[in-house]
Protein backbone atom coordinates (compact mmCIF):
# COMPACT_ATOMS: atom_id res chain seq x y z
CA UNK A 1 36.86 278.27 216.65
CA UNK A 2 35.63 281.58 217.92
CA UNK A 3 32.18 279.88 218.98
CA UNK A 4 34.42 277.09 220.92
CA UNK A 5 36.32 279.98 222.58
CA UNK A 6 33.15 281.84 223.65
CA UNK A 7 31.39 278.74 224.94
CA UNK A 8 34.54 277.79 226.95
CA UNK A 9 34.88 281.40 228.22
CA UNK A 10 31.01 281.10 229.25
CA UNK A 11 31.44 277.79 230.93
CA UNK A 12 34.39 278.90 232.85
CA UNK A 13 32.32 281.87 234.05
CA UNK A 14 29.55 279.78 235.09
CA UNK A 15 32.06 277.57 237.02
CA UNK A 16 33.57 280.58 238.79
CA UNK A 17 30.13 281.77 239.60
CA UNK A 18 29.04 278.30 240.84
CA UNK A 19 32.04 278.10 243.23
CA UNK A 20 31.47 281.63 244.54
CA UNK A 21 27.81 280.81 245.21
CA UNK A 22 28.61 277.62 247.05
CA UNK A 23 31.50 279.61 249.46
CA UNK A 24 28.78 282.18 250.15
CA UNK A 25 26.44 279.27 250.92
CA UNK A 26 28.88 277.62 253.23
CA UNK A 27 29.68 280.98 254.89
CA UNK A 28 26.00 281.56 255.60
CA UNK A 29 25.87 278.12 257.11
CA UNK A 30 28.88 278.68 259.22
CA UNK A 31 27.37 282.04 260.60
CA UNK A 32 24.20 280.33 261.38
CA UNK A 33 26.05 277.56 262.77
CA UNK A 34 28.40 279.52 265.05
CA UNK A 35 25.72 281.91 266.20
CA UNK A 36 23.75 278.96 267.60
CA UNK A 37 26.60 276.87 268.88
CA UNK A 38 28.32 280.03 270.66
CA UNK A 39 25.19 281.54 271.73
CA UNK A 40 26.49 285.18 271.00
CA UNK A 41 24.45 288.23 272.32
CA UNK A 42 23.97 291.03 269.72
CA UNK A 43 26.58 292.94 271.36
CA UNK A 44 29.18 290.10 271.39
CA UNK A 45 28.26 289.25 267.93
CA UNK A 46 29.13 292.73 266.71
CA UNK A 47 32.50 292.66 268.54
CA UNK A 48 33.13 288.89 267.35
CA UNK A 49 32.33 288.72 263.64
CA UNK A 50 34.71 291.41 262.62
CA UNK A 51 37.53 289.80 264.54
CA UNK A 52 36.86 286.36 263.15
CA UNK A 53 36.43 287.54 259.72
CA UNK A 54 39.82 289.16 259.91
CA UNK A 55 41.34 285.96 261.26
CA UNK A 56 39.70 283.92 258.50
CA UNK A 57 40.93 286.34 256.00
CA UNK A 58 44.69 285.88 257.19
CA UNK A 59 44.27 282.38 257.14
CA UNK A 60 42.81 282.19 253.70
CA UNK A 61 45.90 284.25 252.45
CA UNK A 62 48.35 281.85 254.31
CA UNK A 63 46.68 278.70 252.98
CA UNK A 64 46.71 280.18 249.50
CA UNK A 65 50.42 280.94 249.62
CA UNK A 66 51.26 277.54 251.09
CA UNK A 67 49.04 275.72 248.32
CA UNK A 68 50.64 277.69 245.73
CA UNK A 69 54.19 276.49 246.94
CA UNK A 70 53.07 272.87 246.99
CA UNK A 71 51.40 273.13 243.53
CA UNK A 72 54.66 274.44 242.43
CA UNK A 73 56.57 271.61 243.87
CA UNK A 74 54.28 268.87 242.54
CA UNK A 75 54.37 270.32 239.06
CA UNK A 76 58.27 270.82 239.09
CA UNK A 77 59.41 268.06 241.54
CA UNK A 78 61.36 266.29 238.85
CA UNK A 79 63.27 269.47 237.76
CA UNK A 80 63.88 270.93 241.20
CA UNK A 81 67.09 270.56 243.06
CA UNK A 82 67.64 269.53 246.82
CA UNK A 83 68.25 273.36 247.91
CA UNK A 84 65.30 274.53 246.13
CA UNK A 85 63.03 271.52 247.60
CA UNK A 86 64.45 272.51 251.13
CA UNK A 87 63.43 276.11 250.55
CA UNK A 88 59.98 275.11 249.69
CA UNK A 89 59.83 272.75 252.82
CA UNK A 90 61.18 275.51 254.96
CA UNK A 91 58.39 277.79 253.61
CA UNK A 92 55.76 275.18 254.42
CA UNK A 93 57.02 275.12 257.94
CA UNK A 94 57.25 278.90 258.32
CA UNK A 95 53.82 278.96 257.02
CA UNK A 96 52.61 276.73 259.79
CA UNK A 97 54.43 278.80 262.27
CA UNK A 98 52.72 281.92 260.97
CA UNK A 99 49.66 280.19 261.41
CA UNK A 100 50.01 279.62 264.96
CA UNK A 101 50.76 283.16 265.41
CA UNK A 102 47.58 284.15 263.60
CA UNK A 103 45.59 281.88 266.05
CA UNK A 104 47.34 283.29 269.00
CA UNK A 105 46.78 286.96 268.02
CA UNK A 106 42.95 285.95 267.22
CA UNK A 107 42.74 284.39 270.75
CA UNK A 108 44.26 287.35 272.50
CA UNK A 109 41.58 289.71 270.57
CA UNK A 110 38.68 287.35 271.47
CA UNK A 111 39.66 287.63 275.32
CA UNK A 112 38.74 291.33 274.87
CA UNK A 113 35.06 290.48 273.66
CA UNK A 114 34.11 286.96 274.92
CA UNK A 115 34.08 284.89 278.18
CA UNK A 116 36.55 282.00 278.48
CA UNK A 117 33.75 279.53 278.05
CA UNK A 118 32.58 281.08 274.82
CA UNK A 119 36.19 281.25 273.47
CA UNK A 120 36.21 277.48 273.91
CA UNK A 121 32.86 277.27 272.14
CA UNK A 122 34.35 279.14 269.19
CA UNK A 123 37.11 276.72 268.93
CA UNK A 124 34.36 273.78 269.35
CA UNK A 125 32.20 275.06 266.87
CA UNK A 126 34.94 275.53 264.19
CA UNK A 127 35.96 271.82 264.63
CA UNK A 128 32.33 270.66 264.29
CA UNK A 129 31.74 272.74 261.35
CA UNK A 130 34.89 271.44 259.65
CA UNK A 131 33.75 267.84 260.29
CA UNK A 132 30.26 268.70 259.27
CA UNK A 133 31.68 270.00 255.78
CA UNK A 134 33.95 266.74 255.36
CA UNK A 135 31.04 264.49 256.00
CA UNK A 136 29.00 266.22 253.41
CA UNK A 137 31.71 266.18 251.03
CA UNK A 138 32.20 262.38 251.47
CA UNK A 139 28.61 261.91 250.99
CA UNK A 140 28.42 263.85 247.67
CA UNK A 141 31.48 262.33 246.23
CA UNK A 142 30.56 258.65 247.57
CA UNK A 143 33.12 258.46 250.27
CA UNK A 144 30.78 256.15 252.27
CA UNK A 145 28.37 258.81 253.72
CA UNK A 146 24.67 259.05 252.74
CA UNK A 147 23.59 261.92 250.98
CA UNK A 148 24.69 265.43 252.36
CA UNK A 149 25.26 264.45 255.78
CA UNK A 150 23.53 266.15 258.82
CA UNK A 151 22.60 269.96 258.53
CA UNK A 152 24.72 271.81 261.03
CA UNK A 153 21.93 272.51 263.35
CA UNK A 154 21.47 268.83 263.56
CA UNK A 155 25.09 267.78 264.48
CA UNK A 156 25.34 266.85 268.20
CA UNK A 157 26.80 269.56 270.50
CA UNK A 158 28.29 268.76 273.91
CA UNK A 159 29.08 271.86 275.86
CA UNK A 160 32.30 271.82 277.73
């Protein structure tokens, strides 16, 4: 029994480490992808990345909260009354409103460090990178794609 617990704990640790490694790999790909697509100067990059990282951190906290609320509902939906269900639905909408406010704040901060054309390139790069990740996941899990999809630098980019 003790061996089983030790093996289980070890496997959980490996899975967590693998997840963290994968997140770090994706972040590194994202930085390279954005740097290429947005064409940031070194001065712009030193100002942009702290803003972007702060923006992403706020979004991640918000998404975690929203995920927890939805998970709670999915696990307990049969025992939840209408009032509590409405409260969860209201929290979901409030979360979306907060997300828009976070984007608006980030947008205003970017105006101070990037040209309008580069701001639009940031939004385009986010969209393209998200599509790249989705395509890669579909390919990995048999969703109709082949292999892992194109590398980020191979995704066609059409400047605005």
